[in-house]
Amino acid sequence: MTAPLPPLGRCQLCRMRRHLSPHKSKRDGLVRNLCTSCYSDATLAEERGGFIDWDQAVDHGTDEDLLTWLRGDV
């Protein structure tokens, strides 16, 4: 027997309509509903010490963190 698919919805990062899973950020504690690809990207970003999205970088990052985000080095 297979597990049911997660509910369909709009991913809070890529904005695509996909199956979503809740991702709780270790940095800000917010729960974001993310598709599988964005969930993986968010987890890897936090493991590297990065940020999930721009708002998180602005709220919790240093000036250097924001410059890294703007350069696309995240």
N, C-alpha and C. Protein backbone atom coordinates (compact mmCIF):
# COMPACT_ATOMS: atom_id res chain seq x y z
N MET A 1 0.85 -1.17 0.00
CA MET A 1 0.00 0.00 0.00
C MET A 1 0.90 1.24 0.00
N THR A 2 0.58 2.19 -0.84
CA THR A 2 1.38 3.42 -0.92
C THR A 2 0.74 4.52 -0.09
N ALA A 3 1.56 5.44 0.34
CA ALA A 3 1.07 6.58 1.12
C ALA A 3 0.35 7.56 0.20
N PRO A 4 -0.65 8.26 0.72
CA PRO A 4 -1.36 9.24 -0.11
C PRO A 4 -0.43 10.41 -0.45
N LEU A 5 -0.66 11.03 -1.59
CA LEU A 5 0.12 12.19 -2.00
C LEU A 5 -0.21 13.38 -1.11
N PRO A 6 0.77 14.26 -0.87
CA PRO A 6 0.49 15.48 -0.12
C PRO A 6 -0.51 16.33 -0.89
N PRO A 7 -1.17 17.27 -0.23
CA PRO A 7 -2.19 18.08 -0.90
C PRO A 7 -1.58 18.99 -1.97
N LEU A 8 -2.39 19.28 -2.97
CA LEU A 8 -1.99 20.22 -4.03
C LEU A 8 -2.15 21.65 -3.53
N GLY A 9 -1.28 22.50 -4.00
CA GLY A 9 -1.36 23.92 -3.65
C GLY A 9 -0.27 24.68 -4.34
N ARG A 10 -0.15 25.96 -4.02
CA ARG A 10 0.88 26.80 -4.62
C ARG A 10 2.07 26.89 -3.68
N CYS A 11 3.24 26.48 -4.18
CA CYS A 11 4.47 26.51 -3.39
C CYS A 11 4.80 27.95 -3.01
N GLN A 12 5.21 28.15 -1.77
CA GLN A 12 5.50 29.50 -1.28
C GLN A 12 6.82 30.05 -1.80
N LEU A 13 7.63 29.24 -2.46
CA LEU A 13 8.87 29.74 -3.04
C LEU A 13 8.78 29.88 -4.55
N CYS A 14 8.50 28.80 -5.25
CA CYS A 14 8.49 28.85 -6.72
C CYS A 14 7.14 29.27 -7.30
N ARG A 15 6.11 29.26 -6.47
CA ARG A 15 4.74 29.66 -6.86
C ARG A 15 4.07 28.72 -7.86
N MET A 16 4.68 27.55 -8.08
CA MET A 16 4.08 26.56 -8.98
C MET A 16 3.02 25.77 -8.21
N ARG A 17 2.01 25.29 -8.93
CA ARG A 17 0.97 24.47 -8.32
C ARG A 17 1.47 23.02 -8.32
N ARG A 18 1.78 22.54 -7.12
CA ARG A 18 2.34 21.19 -6.96
C ARG A 18 1.88 20.59 -5.64
N HIS A 19 2.28 19.35 -5.41
CA HIS A 19 2.03 18.72 -4.12
C HIS A 19 2.96 19.36 -3.10
N LEU A 20 2.42 19.72 -1.93
CA LEU A 20 3.18 20.48 -0.94
C LEU A 20 3.39 19.71 0.36
N SER A 21 4.51 20.00 0.98
CA SER A 21 4.81 19.47 2.31
C SER A 21 5.24 20.64 3.19
N PRO A 22 4.89 20.62 4.47
CA PRO A 22 5.29 21.71 5.36
C PRO A 22 6.78 21.62 5.70
N HIS A 23 7.47 22.74 5.58
CA HIS A 23 8.90 22.83 5.93
C HIS A 23 9.04 23.85 7.04
N LYS A 24 9.52 23.42 8.19
CA LYS A 24 9.73 24.34 9.32
C LYS A 24 11.18 24.78 9.33
N SER A 25 11.39 26.07 9.20
CA SER A 25 12.72 26.63 9.16
C SER A 25 13.40 26.55 10.52
N LYS A 26 14.67 26.17 10.50
CA LYS A 26 15.45 26.14 11.73
C LYS A 26 15.86 27.54 12.15
N ARG A 27 15.91 28.47 11.20
CA ARG A 27 16.37 29.83 11.48
C ARG A 27 15.28 30.70 12.09
N ASP A 28 14.08 30.72 11.49
CA ASP A 28 13.04 31.61 11.99
C ASP A 28 11.81 30.88 12.52
N GLY A 29 11.79 29.55 12.43
CA GLY A 29 10.68 28.77 12.97
C GLY A 29 9.40 28.81 12.16
N LEU A 30 9.40 29.54 11.04
CA LEU A 30 8.19 29.62 10.22
C LEU A 30 7.99 28.33 9.43
N VAL A 31 6.74 27.98 9.23
CA VAL A 31 6.39 26.82 8.42
C VAL A 31 5.97 27.33 7.05
N ARG A 32 6.65 26.84 6.02
CA ARG A 32 6.32 27.20 4.64
C ARG A 32 5.88 25.94 3.93
N ASN A 33 4.82 26.04 3.12
CA ASN A 33 4.35 24.91 2.33
C ASN A 33 5.13 24.91 1.01
N LEU A 34 5.98 23.88 0.84
CA LEU A 34 6.89 23.85 -0.29
C LEU A 34 6.72 22.57 -1.11
N CYS A 35 6.99 22.70 -2.41
CA CYS A 35 7.02 21.53 -3.27
C CYS A 35 8.30 20.74 -2.97
N THR A 36 8.43 19.56 -3.51
CA THR A 36 9.57 18.71 -3.20
C THR A 36 10.89 19.37 -3.55
N SER A 37 10.97 19.99 -4.71
CA SER A 37 12.21 20.64 -5.15
C SER A 37 12.60 21.79 -4.22
N CYS A 38 11.65 22.65 -3.90
CA CYS A 38 11.93 23.79 -3.02
C CYS A 38 12.20 23.33 -1.59
N TYR A 39 11.54 22.27 -1.16
CA TYR A 39 11.78 21.71 0.18
C TYR A 39 13.24 21.29 0.28
N SER A 40 13.71 20.59 -0.73
CA SER A 40 15.09 20.14 -0.75
C SER A 40 16.06 21.32 -0.78
N ASP A 41 15.78 22.31 -1.64
CA ASP A 41 16.62 23.50 -1.74
C ASP A 41 16.66 24.26 -0.41
N ALA A 42 15.52 24.38 0.25
CA ALA A 42 15.44 25.09 1.52
C ALA A 42 16.25 24.37 2.60
N THR A 43 16.14 23.07 2.64
CA THR A 43 16.88 22.28 3.62
C THR A 43 18.38 22.42 3.39
N LEU A 44 18.80 22.32 2.15
CA LEU A 44 20.23 22.45 1.83
C LEU A 44 20.74 23.85 2.14
N ALA A 45 19.95 24.87 1.83
CA ALA A 45 20.36 26.25 2.11
C ALA A 45 20.58 26.46 3.61
N GLU A 46 19.67 25.95 4.42
CA GLU A 46 19.83 26.10 5.86
C GLU A 46 21.01 25.29 6.40
N GLU A 47 21.26 24.13 5.82
CA GLU A 47 22.40 23.33 6.26
C GLU A 47 23.72 24.05 5.96
N ARG A 48 23.75 24.84 4.87
CA ARG A 48 24.94 25.61 4.52
C ARG A 48 25.03 26.92 5.28
N GLY A 49 23.99 27.22 6.07
CA GLY A 49 23.97 28.48 6.82
C GLY A 49 23.33 29.61 6.05
N GLY A 50 22.68 29.29 4.94
CA GLY A 50 22.03 30.30 4.11
C GLY A 50 20.59 30.55 4.51
N PHE A 51 19.87 31.20 3.63
CA PHE A 51 18.49 31.59 3.88
C PHE A 51 17.57 30.95 2.86
N ILE A 52 16.32 30.77 3.27
CA ILE A 52 15.32 30.15 2.40
C ILE A 52 14.79 31.14 1.38
N ASP A 53 14.51 32.36 1.82
CA ASP A 53 13.95 33.35 0.91
C ASP A 53 14.47 34.75 1.26
N TRP A 54 14.15 35.72 0.42
CA TRP A 54 14.62 37.08 0.60
C TRP A 54 14.17 37.67 1.94
N ASP A 55 12.92 37.46 2.30
CA ASP A 55 12.41 38.01 3.56
C ASP A 55 13.20 37.50 4.75
N GLN A 56 13.55 36.23 4.74
CA GLN A 56 14.33 35.66 5.83
C GLN A 56 15.73 36.27 5.85
N ALA A 57 16.32 36.50 4.69
CA ALA A 57 17.66 37.12 4.62
C ALA A 57 17.61 38.55 5.16
N VAL A 58 16.57 39.29 4.82
CA VAL A 58 16.45 40.68 5.29
C VAL A 58 16.26 40.72 6.80
N ASP A 59 15.41 39.85 7.32
CA ASP A 59 15.10 39.85 8.74
C ASP A 59 16.22 39.31 9.62
N HIS A 60 16.99 38.34 9.12
CA HIS A 60 17.95 37.63 9.97
C HIS A 60 19.39 37.70 9.49
N GLY A 61 19.63 38.33 8.35
CA GLY A 61 20.96 38.32 7.79
C GLY A 61 21.76 39.59 8.04
N THR A 62 23.04 39.48 7.81
CA THR A 62 23.93 40.63 7.88
C THR A 62 23.98 41.30 6.50
N ASP A 63 24.67 42.41 6.42
CA ASP A 63 24.83 43.07 5.12
C ASP A 63 25.54 42.15 4.13
N GLU A 64 26.53 41.42 4.61
CA GLU A 64 27.26 40.49 3.74
C GLU A 64 26.35 39.37 3.25
N ASP A 65 25.45 38.89 4.12
CA ASP A 65 24.48 37.87 3.72
C ASP A 65 23.60 38.38 2.58
N LEU A 66 23.16 39.63 2.69
CA LEU A 66 22.30 40.21 1.66
C LEU A 66 23.06 40.38 0.34
N LEU A 67 24.32 40.79 0.41
CA LEU A 67 25.13 40.90 -0.80
C LEU A 67 25.33 39.54 -1.46
N THR A 68 25.55 38.52 -0.64
CA THR A 68 25.68 37.16 -1.18
C THR A 68 24.40 36.74 -1.88
N TRP A 69 23.26 37.06 -1.28
CA TRP A 69 21.95 36.73 -1.87
C TRP A 69 21.78 37.46 -3.20
N LEU A 70 22.10 38.74 -3.25
CA LEU A 70 21.95 39.54 -4.46
C LEU A 70 22.88 39.05 -5.58
N ARG A 71 24.07 38.60 -5.23
CA ARG A 71 25.00 38.07 -6.23
C ARG A 71 24.55 36.72 -6.76
N GLY A 72 23.67 36.06 -6.06
CA GLY A 72 23.20 34.75 -6.48
C GLY A 72 24.09 33.61 -6.03
N ASP A 73 24.90 33.85 -5.01
CA ASP A 73 25.81 32.84 -4.51
C ASP A 73 25.17 31.91 -3.48
N VAL A 74 23.86 31.96 -3.33
CA VAL A 74 23.18 31.15 -2.31
C VAL A 74 22.92 29.77 -2.81
